[in-house]
Amino acid sequence: MLTDPWFYAAALPAVFLVGLSKGGLGGAAALIGVPLMALVMPPVQAAAILLPILILMDIVSLFLWRGNRDTATLRIMMPGAVIGIALGWLLAAVVTDAMVRLIVGIVALVFFLRWLASKLGGAEHRAGHSPMRGGFWGVVSGFTSFVAHAGGPPYQVYALALGQEPRVYVGTSVIFFAIVNAIKLVPYFALGQFDAQNLAASAVLMPLAPIATFAGAWIVRRMSAATFYPFMYSMVFVVAVKLIYDGLSALVWPA
């Protein structure tokens, strides 16, 4: 695999795009990694190769966004995320990636349409913290992150509606997913996904990770709130369309 040019043709842009997302840019780039690499390898193998790289990106992002966080969001959502990861581990052999992507895509699309309706009506929706809502979306985010690396949209359903200052929103999401990805290492090891070949591929791609992450953070730090939130909601829409398309394609026209 390490001598296959098609591996690098898919993996290098995948890592760069995911790094932009990890730096705080968010959106569809976060979900492109596994599908792009899956063009040249099995999706499960692609996810296993990406996970150590994601953790390196998390470390860089934690440094870049240090001091920016909303403790209440983490306190409310994190326990649910742990439960969601455990459910993903238990149901890994039953629930397919296609099913998860379709469900997450529908949720994200409804979320975007709700925001768009409020904008067109002249009153953008803002919500306060809710342990019940936050716990529920934490479970969904942890579950979908484990089985399909698609934990972003469920997290955004809860967190974007809080209307946090962009730096606080990004810093909090960075901490949330850094913890989620670290926890995921345990079940991934248990499922036998970290063999020598996959770890070698991860090591080869890792130098690109901090470069892409710094680039994403550089872009976000220069965005105002008036630009950041419409951009993020637009990316939620792009993500929703992509997930729905991927899920329906795999279910209706399985390979």
Protein backbone atom coordinates (compact mmCIF):
# COMPACT_ATOMS: atom_id res chain seq x y z
CA MET A 1 0.00 0.00 0.00
CA LEU A 2 2.81 2.45 0.87
CA THR A 3 4.23 2.10 -2.64
CA ASP A 4 0.87 2.47 -4.39
CA PRO A 5 0.54 5.95 -6.00
CA TRP A 6 -3.27 5.70 -5.83
CA PHE A 7 -3.02 5.45 -2.05
CA TYR A 8 -1.28 8.83 -1.90
CA ALA A 9 -3.59 10.33 -4.53
CA ALA A 10 -6.52 9.65 -2.20
CA ALA A 11 -4.92 9.88 1.24
CA LEU A 12 -2.98 13.15 0.94
CA PRO A 13 -5.98 15.34 -0.02
CA ALA A 14 -8.13 13.46 2.50
CA VAL A 15 -5.75 14.25 5.36
CA PHE A 16 -5.39 17.88 4.29
CA LEU A 17 -9.15 18.46 4.12
CA VAL A 18 -9.76 16.79 7.47
CA GLY A 19 -6.96 18.91 8.93
CA LEU A 20 -8.66 22.10 7.75
CA SER A 21 -11.79 20.94 9.55
CA LYS A 22 -9.87 20.05 12.72
CA GLY A 23 -8.34 23.50 12.73
CA GLY A 24 -11.84 24.89 13.19
CA LEU A 25 -13.16 25.27 9.66
CA GLY A 26 -15.63 22.42 10.16
CA GLY A 27 -18.20 21.49 7.56
CA ALA A 28 -18.08 18.86 4.84
CA ALA A 29 -14.28 18.61 4.91
CA ALA A 30 -14.50 16.60 8.14
CA LEU A 31 -16.54 13.89 6.41
CA ILE A 32 -14.56 13.63 3.20
CA GLY A 33 -11.58 11.75 4.65
CA VAL A 34 -12.93 8.21 4.91
CA PRO A 35 -15.03 8.28 1.68
CA LEU A 36 -12.09 9.65 -0.31
CA MET A 37 -9.66 7.05 1.00
CA ALA A 38 -12.33 4.38 0.55
CA LEU A 39 -11.91 4.82 -3.20
CA VAL A 40 -8.66 2.85 -2.95
CA MET A 41 -9.13 0.71 0.19
CA PRO A 42 -11.86 -0.77 2.43
CA PRO A 43 -13.69 1.91 4.47
CA VAL A 44 -12.88 0.24 7.79
CA GLN A 45 -9.19 0.27 6.95
CA ALA A 46 -9.41 3.92 5.91
CA ALA A 47 -11.02 4.81 9.25
CA ALA A 48 -8.34 2.93 11.16
CA ILE A 49 -5.53 4.71 9.30
CA LEU A 50 -7.12 8.11 9.90
CA LEU A 51 -7.77 7.74 13.64
CA PRO A 52 -4.14 8.19 14.84
CA ILE A 53 -3.85 11.15 12.45
CA LEU A 54 -7.04 12.65 13.86
CA ILE A 55 -5.60 12.37 17.35
CA LEU A 56 -2.45 14.23 16.28
CA MET A 57 -4.67 16.92 14.76
CA ASP A 58 -6.61 17.05 18.03
CA ILE A 59 -3.39 17.70 19.94
CA VAL A 60 -2.48 20.56 17.60
CA SER A 61 -6.01 21.97 17.79
CA LEU A 62 -6.01 21.82 21.60
CA PHE A 63 -2.88 23.96 21.56
CA LEU A 64 -4.23 26.41 18.99
CA TRP A 65 -7.58 26.91 20.73
CA ARG A 66 -6.43 26.63 24.35
CA GLY A 67 -8.39 28.79 26.77
CA ASN A 68 -11.49 28.85 24.54
CA ARG A 69 -14.22 26.57 25.84
CA ASP A 70 -17.70 26.38 27.33
CA THR A 71 -17.48 24.02 30.29
CA ALA A 72 -21.25 23.60 30.49
CA THR A 73 -21.41 22.18 26.94
CA LEU A 74 -18.73 19.62 27.75
CA ARG A 75 -20.28 18.69 31.09
CA ILE A 76 -23.68 18.14 29.48
CA MET A 77 -22.64 16.35 26.26
CA MET A 78 -19.58 14.31 27.23
CA PRO A 79 -21.26 11.59 29.33
CA GLY A 80 -23.71 10.94 26.49
CA ALA A 81 -20.82 10.74 24.00
CA VAL A 82 -19.18 8.00 26.07
CA ILE A 83 -22.43 6.05 26.06
CA GLY A 84 -22.72 6.55 22.29
CA ILE A 85 -19.21 5.20 21.70
CA ALA A 86 -20.02 2.14 23.79
CA LEU A 87 -23.21 1.58 21.79
CA GLY A 88 -21.27 1.93 18.54
CA TRP A 89 -18.80 -0.70 19.72
CA LEU A 90 -21.55 -3.10 20.73
CA LEU A 91 -23.53 -2.60 17.50
CA ALA A 92 -20.56 -2.35 15.11
CA ALA A 93 -21.46 -5.65 13.46
CA VAL A 94 -25.15 -4.76 13.06
CA VAL A 95 -25.40 -1.10 12.04
CA THR A 96 -23.90 -0.26 8.67
CA ASP A 97 -22.09 2.97 7.78
CA ALA A 98 -24.78 3.65 5.17
CA MET A 99 -27.58 3.56 7.73
CA VAL A 100 -25.74 5.90 10.09
CA ARG A 101 -24.84 8.38 7.34
CA LEU A 102 -28.44 8.51 6.15
CA ILE A 103 -29.81 9.14 9.65
CA VAL A 104 -27.21 11.79 10.45
CA GLY A 105 -27.77 13.45 7.08
CA ILE A 106 -31.53 13.73 7.64
CA VAL A 107 -31.00 15.18 11.13
CA ALA A 108 -28.50 17.73 9.81
CA LEU A 109 -30.79 18.72 6.92
CA VAL A 110 -33.75 19.30 9.24
CA PHE A 111 -31.48 21.34 11.50
CA PHE A 112 -30.34 23.52 8.59
CA LEU A 113 -33.89 24.03 7.28
CA ARG A 114 -35.03 25.06 10.77
CA TRP A 115 -32.25 27.66 10.95
CA LEU A 116 -33.00 28.88 7.41
CA ALA A 117 -36.70 29.30 8.22
CA SER A 118 -35.85 31.35 11.29
CA LYS A 119 -33.49 33.56 9.27
CA LEU A 120 -36.07 34.16 6.58
CA GLY A 121 -38.64 34.92 9.27
CA GLY A 122 -36.34 37.50 10.80
CA ALA A 123 -35.83 35.77 14.15
CA GLU A 124 -32.86 33.44 14.40
CA HIS A 125 -33.38 30.63 16.90
CA ARG A 126 -31.21 30.63 20.03
CA ALA A 127 -31.42 28.01 22.73
CA GLY A 128 -29.99 27.76 26.22
CA HIS A 129 -28.35 24.73 27.77
CA SER A 130 -30.52 21.67 28.34
CA PRO A 131 -29.12 18.51 30.00
CA MET A 132 -31.78 16.42 28.27
CA ARG A 133 -31.16 17.74 24.75
CA GLY A 134 -27.41 17.91 25.23
CA GLY A 135 -27.24 14.40 26.62
CA PHE A 136 -29.29 13.02 23.73
CA TRP A 137 -27.18 14.70 21.04
CA GLY A 138 -24.04 13.68 22.90
CA VAL A 139 -25.09 10.02 22.61
CA VAL A 140 -25.87 10.43 18.89
CA SER A 141 -22.57 12.23 18.26
CA GLY A 142 -20.51 9.59 20.09
CA PHE A 143 -22.29 6.77 18.28
CA THR A 144 -21.98 8.23 14.79
CA SER A 145 -18.39 9.28 15.42
CA PHE A 146 -17.48 5.70 16.28
CA VAL A 147 -19.24 3.91 13.44
CA ALA A 148 -18.83 6.46 10.63
CA HIS A 149 -16.53 9.33 11.76
CA ALA A 150 -19.64 11.52 11.42
CA GLY A 151 -20.06 12.96 14.90
CA GLY A 152 -19.98 16.59 13.79
CA PRO A 153 -23.60 17.17 12.68
CA PRO A 154 -25.22 15.80 15.88
CA TYR A 155 -22.83 17.90 17.95
CA GLN A 156 -23.70 20.96 15.88
CA VAL A 157 -27.45 20.42 16.34
CA TYR A 158 -26.97 21.19 20.03
CA ALA A 159 -23.95 23.49 20.08
CA LEU A 160 -24.63 25.83 17.16
CA ALA A 161 -28.04 26.75 18.56
CA LEU A 162 -26.29 28.11 21.67
CA GLY A 163 -24.96 31.02 19.61
CA GLN A 164 -21.54 30.94 21.24
CA GLU A 165 -18.75 33.30 20.21
CA PRO A 166 -16.87 31.57 17.34
CA ARG A 167 -13.67 31.00 19.31
CA VAL A 168 -15.62 29.47 22.19
CA TYR A 169 -17.64 27.26 19.84
CA VAL A 170 -14.52 25.98 18.03
CA GLY A 171 -12.48 25.55 21.21
CA THR A 172 -15.26 23.57 22.87
CA SER A 173 -15.79 21.32 19.86
CA VAL A 174 -12.03 20.68 19.69
CA ILE A 175 -11.98 19.48 23.31
CA PHE A 176 -15.13 17.39 22.82
CA PHE A 177 -13.83 15.49 19.80
CA ALA A 178 -10.30 15.16 21.19
CA ILE A 179 -11.78 13.24 24.11
CA VAL A 180 -14.11 11.25 21.83
CA ASN A 181 -11.24 10.20 19.53
CA ALA A 182 -9.01 9.24 22.46
CA ILE A 183 -11.74 7.03 23.90
CA LYS A 184 -12.29 5.42 20.49
CA LEU A 185 -8.74 4.06 20.55
CA VAL A 186 -9.75 1.36 23.04
CA PRO A 187 -12.54 -0.30 21.01
CA TYR A 188 -10.57 0.14 17.77
CA PHE A 189 -7.69 -1.80 19.31
CA ALA A 190 -10.15 -4.41 20.59
CA LEU A 191 -11.59 -4.81 17.08
CA GLY A 192 -8.08 -5.45 15.68
CA GLN A 193 -7.94 -2.37 13.45
CA PHE A 194 -4.40 -1.25 14.35
CA ASP A 195 -2.13 -3.71 12.58
CA ALA A 196 1.43 -2.90 11.45
CA GLN A 197 0.40 -1.97 7.90
CA ASN A 198 -2.26 0.52 8.98
CA LEU A 199 -0.03 2.12 11.60
CA ALA A 200 2.78 2.48 9.04
CA ALA A 201 0.40 4.24 6.65
CA SER A 202 -0.71 6.56 9.47
CA ALA A 203 2.91 7.43 10.26
CA VAL A 204 3.67 8.31 6.64
CA LEU A 205 0.70 10.71 6.46
CA MET A 206 1.16 12.35 9.86
CA PRO A 207 3.55 15.18 8.81
CA LEU A 208 0.73 16.75 6.79
CA ALA A 209 -1.64 16.79 9.78
CA PRO A 210 -0.29 19.81 11.72
CA ILE A 211 0.16 21.87 8.54
CA ALA A 212 -3.49 21.44 7.55
CA THR A 213 -4.71 22.02 11.10
CA PHE A 214 -2.79 25.29 11.44
CA ALA A 215 -4.23 26.39 8.08
CA GLY A 216 -7.79 25.77 9.26
CA ALA A 217 -7.22 27.70 12.49
CA TRP A 218 -5.64 30.61 10.57
CA ILE A 219 -8.79 30.94 8.43
CA VAL A 220 -11.26 30.74 11.35
CA ARG A 221 -9.40 33.32 13.48
CA ARG A 222 -9.98 35.86 10.72
CA MET A 223 -13.74 35.30 10.53
CA SER A 224 -16.26 37.52 12.30
CA ALA A 225 -19.31 36.01 14.00
CA ALA A 226 -21.50 37.46 11.24
CA THR A 227 -19.50 35.43 8.71
CA PHE A 228 -18.74 32.38 10.84
CA TYR A 229 -22.27 31.23 11.66
CA PRO A 230 -23.79 31.51 8.16
CA PHE A 231 -20.71 29.70 6.88
CA MET A 232 -21.07 26.92 9.47
CA TYR A 233 -24.78 26.45 8.79
CA SER A 234 -24.06 26.36 5.05
CA MET A 235 -21.47 23.65 5.68
CA VAL A 236 -24.05 21.74 7.72
CA PHE A 237 -26.28 21.77 4.62
CA VAL A 238 -23.43 20.52 2.40
CA VAL A 239 -22.66 17.79 4.92
CA ALA A 240 -26.34 16.78 5.11
CA VAL A 241 -26.67 16.44 1.33
CA LYS A 242 -23.45 14.44 1.12
CA LEU A 243 -24.42 12.08 3.94
CA ILE A 244 -27.91 11.48 2.55
CA TYR A 245 -26.50 10.81 -0.91
CA ASP A 246 -23.83 8.45 0.43
CA GLY A 247 -26.31 6.61 2.64
CA LEU A 248 -28.97 6.18 -0.05
CA SER A 249 -26.40 5.18 -2.66
CA ALA A 250 -24.99 2.44 -0.45
CA LEU A 251 -28.43 1.16 0.59
CA VAL A 252 -30.10 1.29 -2.83
CA TRP A 253 -27.09 0.41 -4.99
CA PRO A 254 -24.81 -1.64 -2.74
CA ALA A 255 -21.45 -2.55 -4.21
